[in-house]
């Protein structure tokens, strides 16, 4: 199984870039992970933005990919439960496990229709740029739990 993390829009907060790079490096000690940045739509209306961004994402998703949207309406899991989820998916997903962080306005209805799962980090709202870092840290934490690494101490 290949894990990929996709997001819409460049990371404009420069202070976040070293953290993204660091967590990617940490994760790849346990499992290869790909990261892809998709362009944010320039449409003015949010529905048009979501539709345009969704079209770009959907073109890159293949049959057999397991797609998880990072979405406030998704299931919330503890770090332990997320590690179990990743471990189970490593057995059941034959192609790519793709986590997608949407743009500023979220996802189109077509993206929701294609998604295999929705996952939420919190009931709180974060910027889509912050979610990138929070999610990468949780993915790293999941692998440390799976591999019994001392990073996760509980």
Protein backbone atom coordinates (compact mmCIF):
# COMPACT_ATOMS: atom_id res chain seq x y z
CA UNK A 1 0.00 0.00 0.00
CA UNK A 2 1.21 3.44 -0.89
CA UNK A 3 0.19 6.40 1.27
CA UNK A 4 -0.29 9.80 -0.28
CA UNK A 5 -1.32 13.10 1.26
CA UNK A 6 -2.81 15.61 -1.16
CA UNK A 7 -3.87 19.17 -0.54
CA UNK A 8 -5.26 22.06 -2.48
CA UNK A 9 -3.30 25.30 -2.63
CA UNK A 10 0.28 26.20 -1.92
CA UNK A 11 1.40 26.57 1.67
CA UNK A 12 1.75 30.33 1.88
CA UNK A 13 2.72 30.47 5.56
CA UNK A 14 6.47 30.07 5.23
CA UNK A 15 6.91 28.99 8.85
CA UNK A 16 4.87 25.85 8.11
CA UNK A 17 7.13 24.59 5.32
CA UNK A 18 9.97 23.29 7.55
CA UNK A 19 7.41 21.45 9.71
CA UNK A 20 5.85 19.79 6.68
CA UNK A 21 9.29 18.74 5.48
CA UNK A 22 10.25 17.45 8.94
CA UNK A 23 7.13 15.33 9.37
CA UNK A 24 7.48 13.89 5.87
CA UNK A 25 11.05 12.89 6.75
CA UNK A 26 9.92 11.32 10.02
CA UNK A 27 7.04 9.40 8.42
CA UNK A 28 9.24 7.99 5.66
CA UNK A 29 11.43 6.32 8.30
CA UNK A 30 8.47 3.98 8.81
CA UNK A 31 6.60 4.03 5.50
CA UNK A 32 6.97 5.83 2.17
CA UNK A 33 4.59 8.75 1.81
CA UNK A 34 3.94 10.92 -1.21
CA UNK A 35 2.71 14.49 -1.03
CA UNK A 36 1.02 16.38 -3.83
CA UNK A 37 -0.11 19.96 -4.04
CA UNK A 38 -3.01 20.77 -6.35
CA UNK A 39 -3.68 24.31 -7.53
CA UNK A 40 -6.37 26.32 -5.78
CA UNK A 41 -9.14 27.51 -8.05
CA UNK A 42 -9.24 31.16 -9.05
CA UNK A 43 -13.05 31.24 -9.32
CA UNK A 44 -14.69 33.86 -7.12
CA UNK A 45 -17.70 31.81 -5.99
CA UNK A 46 -17.04 29.06 -3.45
CA UNK A 47 -19.20 26.47 -5.27
CA UNK A 48 -17.25 27.06 -8.46
CA UNK A 49 -13.97 26.82 -6.56
CA UNK A 50 -14.94 23.49 -5.00
CA UNK A 51 -16.16 22.11 -8.34
CA UNK A 52 -13.00 23.16 -10.17
CA UNK A 53 -10.67 21.82 -7.47
CA UNK A 54 -12.70 18.60 -7.25
CA UNK A 55 -12.40 18.03 -10.99
CA UNK A 56 -8.61 18.33 -10.76
CA UNK A 57 -8.44 15.90 -7.86
CA UNK A 58 -10.83 13.37 -9.37
CA UNK A 59 -8.75 13.17 -12.55
CA UNK A 60 -5.84 11.86 -10.49
CA UNK A 61 -7.74 9.23 -8.50
CA UNK A 62 -7.58 5.71 -9.92
CA UNK A 63 -9.77 2.66 -9.49
CA UNK A 64 -8.60 0.81 -6.41
CA UNK A 65 -7.49 3.96 -4.58
CA UNK A 66 -8.95 4.38 -1.11
CA UNK A 67 -9.79 8.07 -0.69
CA UNK A 68 -10.18 9.74 2.69
CA UNK A 69 -11.29 13.35 2.85
CA UNK A 70 -10.11 15.36 5.82
CA UNK A 71 -13.44 16.91 6.69
CA UNK A 72 -15.08 18.37 9.78
CA UNK A 73 -18.06 16.03 9.27
CA UNK A 74 -15.84 12.95 9.34
CA UNK A 75 -15.18 10.37 12.00
CA UNK A 76 -12.93 11.45 14.83
CA UNK A 77 -10.51 8.86 16.12
CA UNK A 78 -8.06 8.86 18.99
CA UNK A 79 -4.41 8.56 18.02
CA UNK A 80 -4.51 4.88 19.02
CA UNK A 81 -7.64 4.26 16.94
CA UNK A 82 -6.11 6.09 13.98
CA UNK A 83 -3.02 3.86 14.22
CA UNK A 84 -5.30 0.81 14.18
CA UNK A 85 -7.13 2.26 11.17
CA UNK A 86 -3.81 2.73 9.28
CA UNK A 87 -2.69 -0.77 10.21
CA UNK A 88 -5.93 -2.33 8.94
CA UNK A 89 -5.82 -0.30 5.73
CA UNK A 90 -2.26 -1.48 5.10
CA UNK A 91 -3.72 -4.98 4.75
CA UNK A 92 -6.97 -4.20 2.94
CA UNK A 93 -5.97 -1.45 0.49
CA UNK A 94 -4.16 -2.79 -2.53
CA UNK A 95 -3.41 0.48 -4.30
CA UNK A 96 -3.04 3.92 -2.76
CA UNK A 97 -4.42 5.23 0.52
CA UNK A 98 -4.99 8.90 -0.27
CA UNK A 99 -5.74 11.50 2.39
CA UNK A 100 -7.00 14.74 0.87
CA UNK A 101 -7.05 18.13 2.58
CA UNK A 102 -9.36 20.43 0.68
CA UNK A 103 -9.00 24.06 -0.18
CA UNK A 104 -10.33 27.04 1.74
CA UNK A 105 -13.96 26.19 0.95
CA UNK A 106 -13.80 22.41 1.33
CA UNK A 107 -14.91 19.75 -1.14
CA UNK A 108 -17.38 19.49 -4.00
CA UNK A 109 -20.31 17.07 -3.90
CA UNK A 110 -18.48 14.95 -6.50
CA UNK A 111 -15.56 14.56 -4.10
CA UNK A 112 -17.89 13.49 -1.29
CA UNK A 113 -19.49 10.98 -3.65
CA UNK A 114 -16.07 9.47 -4.51
CA UNK A 115 -14.72 9.41 -0.95
CA UNK A 116 -14.40 6.09 0.83
CA UNK A 117 -14.10 7.72 4.26
CA UNK A 118 -14.28 11.10 5.94
CA UNK A 119 -11.89 11.83 8.79
CA UNK A 120 -11.98 14.80 11.18
CA UNK A 121 -9.11 15.93 13.35
CA UNK A 122 -11.30 17.89 15.75
CA UNK A 123 -14.67 19.53 16.22
CA UNK A 124 -12.79 22.81 16.11
CA UNK A 125 -12.13 24.65 12.86
CA UNK A 126 -8.55 25.11 11.66
CA UNK A 127 -7.12 26.73 8.56
CA UNK A 128 -6.51 24.25 5.77
CA UNK A 129 -2.78 25.05 6.07
CA UNK A 130 -2.72 24.17 9.78
CA UNK A 131 -4.57 20.91 9.09
CA UNK A 132 -1.64 19.86 6.91
CA UNK A 133 0.74 20.01 9.86
CA UNK A 134 -1.69 18.55 12.39
CA UNK A 135 -2.53 15.65 10.09
CA UNK A 136 1.11 14.88 9.24
CA UNK A 137 1.95 14.84 12.93
CA UNK A 138 -0.90 12.40 13.57
CA UNK A 139 0.19 10.19 10.68
CA UNK A 140 3.71 10.13 12.11
CA UNK A 141 2.29 9.39 15.57
CA UNK A 142 0.23 6.52 14.13
CA UNK A 143 3.37 4.90 12.73
CA UNK A 144 5.20 5.33 16.03
CA UNK A 145 2.30 3.58 17.77
CA UNK A 146 2.26 0.77 15.20
CA UNK A 147 6.03 0.29 15.56
CA UNK A 148 6.05 0.74 19.35
CA UNK A 149 8.33 3.76 19.13
CA UNK A 150 8.49 5.85 22.34
CA UNK A 151 7.23 9.07 20.64
CA UNK A 152 3.68 8.23 21.73
CA UNK A 153 3.96 7.72 25.48
CA UNK A 154 0.43 6.77 26.47
